[in-house]
Structures are given as C-alpha cells and as structure tokens.
Amino acid sequence: MGEGSAPGGLPYVSLIVVTYNGAHLLGPCLQSLVHLDYPASRLEVLVIDNGSTDESAELVRTHFPQVRWLSNDVNNYCRANNLGVREGRGALVAFINTDVQVDSSWLLHLVDALQRDARLAGVTGKTFLGRGPRISSTGHEAVPNHYWRDRGIWKRDRALYDEAAEVPGISGCASLYRRSCLEAIGGLDEAFVMFYEDVDLGIRCRQRGWRFRYVPGAIAYHQFHGTASDELGQFFVERNRLLLLAKHDPTLLPAAWGASHALAHPEGRGWMASFQGDVYRMLHREHQPAEVERFWPKIIAAHRWATECSWWQRLIAQARARAGAVMRRWRRVDPERSSGDAIRAAHRSRTHGLTWRLEQSGPVPHLIFDALGDAWTGGIGGEPAVVSQTAPVLSGHGAS
C-alpha cells in the first residue's frame, strides 16, 4: 500500500530506476534524483537490478546509501518495474531510465499536475535528447501502419511544445503515475519485456477512463538507448508492435505483418519468423480459442507473403493498403464518391519511400506510383497482396 499525502503537504513518491550493467549511467541519474527540490521525507529511490555483472551494486552502496537496492529474478524491464511498484510505498510512482537525468524541479511540476486533476493516470514532461536542444519525448503519438513514437522526437525545441496538452500515453523513460491506477490495471505487461510496454499501459488506462498529460515545465535529459543497442531496440519495437495488435485488435494483424519495418532489416525475415510464437501465445492469452483459429491462418498467409515477396512487391502492396484506407474514409464522408464521379483532389503520400497518389476518374480508383522517375498505375485492393501491373507505364505522372 502506498502512503498518501502528509497533512497540508506533498504525496509520498517512489522513484524506480531499472538497471542492467548501467554503472556508467547510474551515478549521474541517481545524483539528479537525490537532489530534487522535494522533501526527502516524502521521497524514496529504488534501484531494481536485472542481473548486472558490473560495479552497479558497489556504486550504489558506496555513494548512495539512502537508495534501496533490489534484485530482479530475470532480465525483464517490465517485471523489474512491477517489483519496484510492489516494494515501494509511494502513492505516486515514477519510472526513470538509467540513462536519464532530471532537473531539480522536475518532480514538483509533475506532482502538481496530478494533484490538480484526479482523472490523470500519469504525467510526463519535456525530455531532451542528451542536453538538448533536440527533443526525446513529450508523450506518445500514433503514426501510420500501427506504429507509435515519442511526440516531437528529434525535433529542435523551438517553442513547439511549450503548452501543456493531453496525450494518448507517456514514455516510461521519465514519467510519474498514480499507484492506484497501476494497481487497478495490473501493472506493466511482462510479456512485452521492454519497448511498447508504455504504449500498452496507456491503452489499458484509457480503456478505464484515465487520461495522460504533458507538462512542459518538467525537464529531463535522456541519453537514448544508453544500455540497449539500436538493433535490440528495433527488434523489440517490431515484435511488440505485433503483440500490441494481438492483444488489443487482432483483426489488424495480417495487414500490419506485411507492413513491418523489420522487413527492411538484414535479419528481418528471421525476426518475423521468431515473432510468430509470441504473437500466438498473446492471442490465446487474450482471446477465445475460436477467435484465434479464425485469425491465425490469415496471419500465417501474411507472414508467408511478407517474407517471400520482393521488396518492390511489398512496397506496392503496402501503398495499396494505405490508399484503400483513404478511399474508405472518403466514402464514409461522401458516399457518392463510390458511384464513379471523378475525385478532383488527388491524395498524395509516401509509403516506405515509395511516392504515390490516389485518383478516381471512373468507377475504379487507381494508384499512380512514381519511383526513380517511372510511374505506373494499379487498381486498389482491400487487402495487402502481390500487385500486378494493370496499366501501361505512364510518363509524367509522378507524385511529389
């Protein structure tokens, strides 16, 4: 059970830092946490170790005796954070990555925001890459093909995110949550291990009516993948994107499988094969067996298509799927567009570097592609599939 607010004072806060061979980052991180402008009597710092073999434990014992050291039984980021929540006493709980440092007023800004709005599950601040000026995160945002990213990532801080805002989720690298919310939803889903676990957390919180907020005054600095390689990060992002859909909307899995960015990686086909077992287990955990048996053949077909087709066929098919979604949106707004009337405004977009535009001048909408100066048209299908050329090569129809 967490401790509440002191009479007329501030709530008790547990700051949880998960580490794995991160001694070179842990010292500066903890230094920033023990010097927060927050009463020491209302604060605790817990370091959860995922099996480090470096000098992390000695560093904490020698230089930060006020910090609690706990050992996790397996190298799993989500499991470690859940352990910290169980062992902590705070009514509010912060997740902070080892490669993060925070300004002294960071926690006060976040606590103030949570106290002002009882509907908030969690809050986050403006997190910079390194010491700035580029942004690491100001919350989450959804992007095409069922991916998620940190809002504002890589952008320079030019007053773009100086206003507080509601966001669909918050990055677990430096955020503050209500314990009551974390306990109500069952904590982080340990099947994700790391990456996208915060996206899943946001979805589950919103399903229960909770909200998230971005607070620009709370400043943190993130080294970004300080202890995890870029390749390991990409592996888990690609895997967990599919787990997220398997958990929350498996009808999207076949199309998402064929649009995976993993297919552009040299090891991507092997990755995709390894994801099948995890996705299957997630489907069985979250859905009825009859539903799983209905989805699974489509997923296997999508996997076979995605791993056996050439990169060019995959790009064309992914663009077709995107354009089909555009057409469906158009027709919901203006059903007569499906009658064959010309669509005056062409839709232009990019799919994995392939530029295309969508036009309709008769009963069948067409895609007009432009790649390396050559354009061709193809009809739109509802599902991703191998595309065959349906019209001669046309010159001068490239989209910009």
Protein backbone atom coordinates (compact mmCIF):
# COMPACT_ATOMS: atom_id res chain seq x y z
CA MET A 1 0.00 0.00 0.00
CA GLY A 2 1.25 3.45 -0.84
CA GLU A 3 1.50 6.31 1.59
CA GLY A 4 -0.76 9.27 0.90
CA SER A 5 -0.16 12.98 1.35
CA ALA A 6 1.05 14.42 4.59
CA PRO A 7 -1.42 16.87 6.16
CA GLY A 8 -1.15 20.03 4.09
CA GLY A 9 1.89 18.62 2.31
CA LEU A 10 3.09 16.65 -0.67
CA PRO A 11 2.34 12.99 -1.50
CA TYR A 12 4.92 10.30 -0.87
CA VAL A 13 6.68 9.36 -4.13
CA SER A 14 8.60 6.22 -5.12
CA LEU A 15 11.22 6.77 -7.83
CA ILE A 16 12.02 3.48 -9.61
CA VAL A 17 15.18 3.05 -11.68
CA VAL A 18 15.78 -0.24 -13.51
CA THR A 19 19.40 -1.02 -14.37
CA TYR A 20 21.32 -3.65 -16.29
CA ASN A 21 25.09 -3.13 -16.48
CA GLY A 22 24.48 0.60 -16.42
CA ALA A 23 27.01 1.72 -13.79
CA HIS A 24 28.42 4.34 -16.19
CA LEU A 25 24.96 5.98 -16.31
CA LEU A 26 23.59 5.17 -12.87
CA GLY A 27 25.70 7.64 -10.91
CA PRO A 28 24.56 10.81 -12.76
CA CYS A 29 20.96 9.55 -12.80
CA LEU A 30 20.84 8.96 -9.03
CA GLN A 31 22.70 12.19 -8.36
CA SER A 32 19.90 14.12 -10.04
CA LEU A 33 17.23 12.21 -8.12
CA VAL A 34 18.68 12.67 -4.65
CA HIS A 35 18.99 16.43 -5.28
CA LEU A 36 15.37 17.01 -6.31
CA ASP A 37 13.57 20.03 -4.85
CA TYR A 38 11.25 17.72 -2.94
CA PRO A 39 11.18 16.88 0.78
CA ALA A 40 13.48 13.93 1.43
CA SER A 41 10.98 12.62 3.99
CA ARG A 42 8.35 12.29 1.22
CA LEU A 43 10.58 10.51 -1.26
CA GLU A 44 12.27 7.14 -1.79
CA VAL A 45 14.56 5.92 -4.59
CA LEU A 46 14.61 2.24 -5.54
CA VAL A 47 17.11 0.69 -7.96
CA ILE A 48 15.96 -2.62 -9.43
CA ASP A 49 18.82 -4.67 -10.86
CA ASN A 50 18.21 -7.01 -13.79
CA GLY A 51 21.28 -9.16 -13.17
CA SER A 52 24.12 -6.72 -13.70
CA THR A 53 27.69 -8.02 -13.68
CA ASP A 54 29.36 -4.59 -13.48
CA GLU A 55 30.05 -2.41 -10.46
CA SER A 56 26.50 -1.01 -10.18
CA ALA A 57 25.77 -2.56 -6.78
CA GLU A 58 29.04 -1.30 -5.28
CA LEU A 59 28.42 2.20 -6.68
CA VAL A 60 25.01 2.40 -5.01
CA ARG A 61 26.23 1.00 -1.68
CA THR A 62 29.21 3.36 -1.56
CA HIS A 63 27.83 6.62 -2.92
CA PHE A 64 24.05 6.39 -2.43
CA PRO A 65 23.37 4.62 0.87
CA GLN A 66 19.89 6.18 1.04
CA VAL A 67 18.87 4.32 -2.14
CA ARG A 68 17.20 0.89 -1.84
CA TRP A 69 18.77 -1.87 -3.98
CA LEU A 70 16.54 -4.74 -5.12
CA SER A 71 17.40 -7.68 -7.39
CA ASN A 72 15.03 -8.96 -10.06
CA ASP A 73 14.95 -12.69 -10.77
CA VAL A 74 15.16 -12.32 -14.56
CA ASN A 75 16.34 -9.68 -17.03
CA ASN A 76 12.92 -8.21 -17.82
CA TYR A 77 12.39 -4.44 -17.68
CA CYS A 78 8.64 -4.67 -17.13
CA ARG A 79 8.99 -7.25 -14.39
CA ALA A 80 11.60 -5.12 -12.65
CA ASN A 81 9.33 -2.06 -12.64
CA ASN A 82 6.44 -4.13 -11.31
CA LEU A 83 8.71 -5.34 -8.50
CA GLY A 84 9.55 -1.72 -7.70
CA VAL A 85 5.87 -0.79 -7.55
CA ARG A 86 5.14 -3.67 -5.15
CA GLU A 87 8.08 -2.82 -2.89
CA GLY A 88 7.62 0.94 -2.98
CA ARG A 89 5.49 2.91 -0.54
CA GLY A 90 4.57 5.93 -2.62
CA ALA A 91 1.05 6.94 -3.57
CA LEU A 92 2.76 8.19 -6.73
CA VAL A 93 5.31 6.15 -8.68
CA ALA A 94 7.89 7.40 -11.17
CA PHE A 95 9.58 5.21 -13.79
CA ILE A 96 13.00 6.61 -14.69
CA ASN A 97 15.50 5.03 -17.07
CA THR A 98 19.13 4.69 -16.06
CA ASP A 99 20.19 6.96 -18.96
CA VAL A 100 18.01 9.86 -17.72
CA GLN A 101 18.82 12.86 -15.55
CA VAL A 102 16.15 15.28 -14.33
CA ASP A 103 16.06 18.95 -13.37
CA SER A 104 15.66 19.68 -9.69
CA SER A 105 12.07 20.95 -10.20
CA TRP A 106 11.03 18.03 -12.44
CA LEU A 107 9.09 16.14 -9.78
CA LEU A 108 7.33 19.18 -8.33
CA HIS A 109 5.87 20.06 -11.74
CA LEU A 110 4.58 16.54 -12.27
CA VAL A 111 3.12 16.16 -8.77
CA ASP A 112 1.34 19.48 -9.11
CA ALA A 113 -0.29 18.39 -12.37
CA LEU A 114 -1.52 15.10 -10.88
CA GLN A 115 -2.93 16.84 -7.82
CA ARG A 116 -4.88 19.29 -9.98
CA ASP A 117 -6.72 16.62 -11.98
CA ALA A 118 -7.95 13.41 -10.37
CA ARG A 119 -8.68 11.89 -13.82
CA LEU A 120 -4.99 11.72 -14.72
CA ALA A 121 -3.30 8.32 -14.63
CA GLY A 122 0.12 9.81 -15.31
CA VAL A 123 2.07 12.83 -16.45
CA THR A 124 5.30 13.45 -18.30
CA GLY A 125 7.48 16.44 -19.03
CA LYS A 126 9.71 17.72 -21.80
CA THR A 127 12.50 15.20 -22.21
CA PHE A 128 15.52 16.18 -24.30
CA LEU A 129 17.99 14.02 -26.20
CA GLY A 130 21.24 14.45 -24.32
CA ARG A 131 21.39 18.01 -23.02
CA GLY A 132 19.30 19.33 -25.91
CA PRO A 133 18.28 21.15 -28.00
CA ARG A 134 16.55 18.20 -29.69
CA ILE A 135 13.53 16.55 -28.08
CA SER A 136 13.33 12.93 -26.99
CA SER A 137 9.68 12.85 -25.86
CA THR A 138 6.68 14.96 -24.92
CA GLY A 139 4.30 12.00 -24.75
CA HIS A 140 3.19 9.41 -27.29
CA GLU A 141 1.55 9.70 -30.69
CA ALA A 142 0.31 7.12 -33.19
CA VAL A 143 1.84 7.03 -36.69
CA PRO A 144 0.86 5.05 -39.83
CA ASN A 145 0.91 1.26 -40.03
CA HIS A 146 0.11 0.87 -36.33
CA TYR A 147 3.42 2.20 -35.05
CA TRP A 148 3.82 4.57 -32.12
CA ARG A 149 6.56 7.10 -31.45
CA ASP A 150 7.56 9.76 -28.97
CA ARG A 151 5.86 13.05 -29.77
CA GLY A 152 8.40 15.57 -31.06
CA ILE A 153 11.34 13.17 -31.17
CA TRP A 154 14.44 14.54 -33.00
CA LYS A 155 12.84 18.00 -33.40
CA ARG A 156 14.61 21.10 -32.14
CA ASP A 157 12.94 22.78 -29.18
CA ARG A 158 11.60 25.90 -30.88
CA ALA A 159 8.58 26.59 -28.67
CA LEU A 160 6.71 23.76 -30.41
CA TYR A 161 5.81 22.08 -27.14
CA ASP A 162 5.61 24.93 -24.65
CA GLU A 163 1.93 24.36 -23.84
CA ALA A 164 0.52 21.65 -21.59
CA ALA A 165 -1.54 19.11 -23.51
CA GLU A 166 -3.45 15.87 -23.14
CA VAL A 167 -1.61 12.98 -24.83
CA PRO A 168 -2.67 9.36 -25.51
CA GLY A 169 0.23 7.97 -23.49
CA ILE A 170 3.59 8.78 -21.95
CA SER A 171 7.09 7.38 -22.27
CA GLY A 172 8.26 5.20 -19.42
CA CYS A 173 11.74 6.74 -19.57
CA ALA A 174 10.78 9.60 -17.21
CA SER A 175 7.14 9.77 -16.10
CA LEU A 176 5.00 9.83 -12.96
CA TYR A 177 1.95 7.60 -12.36
CA ARG A 178 -0.73 7.11 -9.74
CA ARG A 179 -0.21 3.88 -7.84
CA SER A 180 -3.97 3.34 -7.68
CA CYS A 181 -4.13 3.28 -11.49
CA LEU A 182 -1.15 0.95 -11.90
CA GLU A 183 -2.62 -1.48 -9.39
CA ALA A 184 -6.09 -1.32 -10.96
CA ILE A 185 -4.82 -2.33 -14.41
CA GLY A 186 -2.33 -4.91 -13.16
CA GLY A 187 0.91 -3.02 -13.80
CA LEU A 188 3.13 -3.38 -16.85
CA ASP A 189 2.53 -6.40 -19.08
CA GLU A 190 5.68 -8.51 -18.63
CA ALA A 191 5.16 -10.26 -21.99
CA PHE A 192 6.49 -7.10 -23.66
CA VAL A 193 9.81 -7.30 -21.75
CA MET A 194 10.73 -3.74 -22.88
CA PHE A 195 9.61 -1.21 -25.52
CA TYR A 196 5.93 -0.50 -26.27
CA GLU A 197 5.05 -1.61 -22.73
CA ASP A 198 4.22 2.03 -22.03
CA VAL A 199 2.00 2.19 -25.14
CA ASP A 200 0.10 -0.86 -23.90
CA LEU A 201 -0.16 0.72 -20.45
CA GLY A 202 -1.63 3.87 -21.99
CA ILE A 203 -4.24 1.91 -23.94
CA ARG A 204 -5.36 -0.03 -20.87
CA CYS A 205 -5.56 3.12 -18.76
CA ARG A 206 -7.63 4.96 -21.37
CA GLN A 207 -9.98 2.00 -21.64
CA ARG A 208 -10.78 2.55 -17.95
CA GLY A 209 -11.36 6.27 -18.37
CA TRP A 210 -7.97 7.56 -17.22
CA ARG A 211 -6.06 10.29 -19.07
CA PHE A 212 -2.46 11.42 -19.55
CA ARG A 213 -0.98 14.90 -19.64
CA TYR A 214 2.19 16.55 -20.89
CA VAL A 215 3.67 19.22 -18.59
CA PRO A 216 6.33 21.35 -20.33
CA GLY A 217 7.93 22.68 -17.14
CA ALA A 218 9.16 19.23 -16.05
CA ILE A 219 12.55 18.92 -17.77
CA ALA A 220 14.56 15.71 -18.15
CA TYR A 221 17.55 14.66 -20.26
CA HIS A 222 17.69 11.28 -21.98
CA GLN A 223 20.82 9.72 -23.44
CA PHE A 224 18.57 7.36 -25.51
CA HIS A 225 19.37 3.64 -25.71
CA GLY A 226 22.11 4.17 -23.15
CA THR A 227 22.26 0.48 -22.23
CA ALA A 228 20.30 -1.11 -25.11
CA SER A 229 21.67 -1.20 -28.65
CA ASP A 230 19.71 0.29 -31.54
CA GLU A 231 19.34 -3.17 -33.05
CA LEU A 232 17.95 -4.65 -29.84
CA GLY A 233 15.57 -1.71 -29.61
CA GLN A 234 14.35 -2.23 -33.18
CA PHE A 235 13.84 -5.94 -32.56
CA PHE A 236 11.57 -5.32 -29.57
CA VAL A 237 9.72 -2.44 -31.25
CA GLU A 238 8.85 -4.68 -34.22
CA ARG A 239 7.95 -7.63 -32.01
CA ASN A 240 5.91 -5.63 -29.53
CA ARG A 241 4.00 -3.70 -32.20
CA LEU A 242 2.58 -7.06 -33.26
CA LEU A 243 1.97 -8.14 -29.65
CA LEU A 244 0.10 -4.87 -29.09
CA LEU A 245 -2.23 -5.61 -32.00
CA ALA A 246 -2.61 -9.26 -30.98
CA LYS A 247 -3.71 -8.06 -27.56
CA HIS A 248 -5.99 -5.18 -28.49
CA ASP A 249 -7.13 -5.59 -32.12
CA PRO A 250 -6.03 -8.81 -33.84
CA THR A 251 -8.11 -8.05 -36.95
CA LEU A 252 -5.33 -5.61 -37.90
CA LEU A 253 -2.54 -8.18 -37.65
CA PRO A 254 -2.47 -9.54 -41.24
CA ALA A 255 -2.07 -6.10 -42.81
CA ALA A 256 0.35 -4.96 -40.09
CA TRP A 257 2.50 -8.06 -40.57
CA GLY A 258 3.14 -7.21 -44.21
CA ALA A 259 3.89 -3.56 -43.41
CA SER A 260 6.54 -4.27 -40.78
CA HIS A 261 9.68 -2.14 -40.96
CA ALA A 262 11.56 -5.25 -39.84
CA LEU A 263 11.43 -6.47 -43.44
CA ALA A 264 13.94 -3.78 -44.38
CA HIS A 265 16.46 -5.11 -41.83
CA PRO A 266 19.06 -7.70 -42.92
CA GLU A 267 17.84 -10.03 -40.16
CA GLY A 268 14.20 -9.03 -40.53
CA ARG A 269 12.89 -12.24 -42.04
CA GLY A 270 14.38 -14.25 -39.19
CA TRP A 271 12.90 -11.81 -36.70
CA MET A 272 9.45 -12.12 -38.24
CA ALA A 273 9.61 -15.92 -38.02
CA SER A 274 10.58 -15.69 -34.34
CA PHE A 275 7.64 -13.36 -33.61
CA GLN A 276 5.03 -15.95 -34.57
CA GLY A 277 5.20 -17.93 -31.34
CA ASP A 278 4.95 -14.82 -29.14
CA VAL A 279 2.01 -13.49 -31.14
CA TYR A 280 0.24 -16.87 -30.98
CA ARG A 281 0.66 -17.02 -27.20
CA MET A 282 -0.64 -13.47 -26.81
CA LEU A 283 -3.69 -14.25 -28.94
CA HIS A 284 -4.51 -17.30 -26.82
CA ARG A 285 -3.96 -15.36 -23.61
CA GLU A 286 -6.31 -12.53 -24.56
CA HIS A 287 -8.94 -14.09 -26.85
CA GLN A 288 -11.21 -17.10 -27.18
CA PRO A 289 -9.75 -20.15 -28.98
CA ALA A 290 -12.35 -19.90 -31.75
CA GLU A 291 -11.29 -16.31 -32.45
CA VAL A 292 -7.63 -17.30 -32.56
CA GLU A 293 -8.29 -20.10 -35.04
CA ARG A 294 -10.12 -17.63 -37.26
CA PHE A 295 -7.25 -15.07 -37.24
CA TRP A 296 -4.26 -17.40 -37.34
CA PRO A 297 -4.45 -18.68 -40.95
CA LYS A 298 -4.59 -15.08 -42.19
CA ILE A 299 -1.52 -14.22 -40.12
CA ILE A 300 0.40 -17.22 -41.49
CA ALA A 301 -0.56 -16.19 -45.05
CA ALA A 302 0.57 -12.63 -44.34
CA HIS A 303 3.87 -13.87 -42.93
CA ARG A 304 4.49 -16.05 -45.97
CA TRP A 305 3.71 -13.17 -48.30
CA ALA A 306 5.84 -10.69 -46.36
CA THR A 307 8.91 -12.91 -46.21
CA GLU A 308 8.74 -14.40 -49.72
CA CYS A 309 7.85 -11.37 -51.85
CA SER A 310 10.43 -8.98 -53.21
CA TRP A 311 10.86 -5.62 -51.52
CA TRP A 312 9.26 -3.90 -54.53
CA GLN A 313 6.13 -6.03 -54.37
CA ARG A 314 5.84 -5.36 -50.64
CA LEU A 315 6.12 -1.58 -51.14
CA ILE A 316 3.43 -1.58 -53.82
CA ALA A 317 1.09 -3.72 -51.74
CA GLN A 318 1.58 -1.58 -48.64
CA ALA A 319 0.79 1.54 -50.64
CA ARG A 320 -2.34 -0.18 -51.98
CA ALA A 321 -3.48 -0.93 -48.45
CA ARG A 322 -2.87 2.67 -47.37
CA ALA A 323 -4.75 4.02 -50.39
CA GLY A 324 -7.62 1.62 -49.77
CA ALA A 325 -7.97 3.07 -46.28
CA VAL A 326 -8.04 6.57 -47.75
CA MET A 327 -10.83 5.56 -50.13
CA ARG A 328 -12.87 4.07 -47.32
CA ARG A 329 -12.55 7.32 -45.35
CA TRP A 330 -13.56 9.34 -48.39
CA ARG A 331 -16.63 7.19 -48.95
CA ARG A 332 -17.75 7.49 -45.34
CA VAL A 333 -17.68 11.26 -45.72
CA ASP A 334 -19.17 11.34 -49.26
CA PRO A 335 -20.81 8.04 -50.25
CA GLU A 336 -21.44 9.28 -53.80
CA ARG A 337 -17.74 9.16 -54.50
CA SER A 338 -18.12 5.42 -54.94
CA SER A 339 -20.59 5.93 -57.78
CA GLY A 340 -17.87 6.76 -60.28
CA ASP A 341 -17.81 10.55 -60.10
CA ALA A 342 -14.31 11.95 -60.53
CA ILE A 343 -12.34 12.73 -57.41
CA ARG A 344 -10.95 16.18 -58.00
CA ALA A 345 -8.35 16.27 -55.24
CA ALA A 346 -5.73 13.57 -55.55
CA HIS A 347 -4.35 12.11 -52.34
CA ARG A 348 -0.55 12.11 -52.24
CA SER A 349 1.53 10.17 -49.78
CA ARG A 350 4.67 8.14 -49.19
CA THR A 351 4.92 4.54 -48.09
CA HIS A 352 8.44 3.44 -47.11
CA GLY A 353 9.96 5.87 -49.61
CA LEU A 354 7.56 4.98 -52.45
CA THR A 355 5.65 8.07 -53.59
CA TRP A 356 2.11 7.64 -54.82
CA ARG A 357 -1.14 9.49 -55.37
CA LEU A 358 -4.73 8.36 -55.41
CA GLU A 359 -7.18 9.37 -58.13
CA GLN A 360 -10.59 8.28 -59.30
CA SER A 361 -11.81 9.21 -62.78
CA GLY A 362 -14.28 6.36 -63.21
CA PRO A 363 -15.82 3.52 -61.23
CA VAL A 364 -12.41 2.12 -60.20
CA PRO A 365 -9.96 4.19 -58.12
CA HIS A 366 -6.33 3.97 -59.18
CA LEU A 367 -2.94 4.46 -57.63
CA ILE A 368 -0.35 6.34 -59.61
CA PHE A 369 3.15 5.47 -58.44
CA ASP A 370 6.41 7.24 -59.04
CA ALA A 371 9.71 5.50 -58.39
CA LEU A 372 13.05 6.52 -59.87
CA GLY A 373 11.28 8.66 -62.46
CA ASP A 374 8.97 5.93 -63.81
CA ALA A 375 5.30 5.87 -62.91
CA TRP A 376 2.63 3.25 -63.35
CA THR A 377 -0.93 2.75 -62.21
CA GLY A 378 -2.55 -0.11 -60.39
CA GLY A 379 -6.04 -0.82 -59.10
CA ILE A 380 -6.70 -0.77 -55.35
CA GLY A 381 -7.47 -3.95 -53.43
CA GLY A 382 -8.88 -4.19 -49.95
CA GLU A 383 -6.16 -6.49 -48.57
CA PRO A 384 -2.39 -6.41 -48.99
CA ALA A 385 -1.47 -8.73 -51.86
CA VAL A 386 1.11 -9.10 -54.57
CA VAL A 387 0.36 -6.39 -57.13
CA SER A 388 0.47 -6.92 -60.86
CA GLN A 389 0.67 -4.04 -63.30
CA THR A 390 -2.80 -3.20 -64.61
CA ALA A 391 -1.96 -0.36 -66.97
CA PRO A 392 0.97 0.62 -69.20
CA VAL A 393 3.84 2.62 -67.79
CA LEU A 394 2.92 6.30 -67.87
CA SER A 395 5.32 9.21 -68.07
CA GLY A 396 4.87 12.43 -66.20
CA HIS A 397 2.54 11.12 -63.52
CA GLY A 398 4.92 11.17 -60.59
CA ALA A 399 3.62 12.47 -57.27
CA SER A 400 5.69 14.83 -55.17
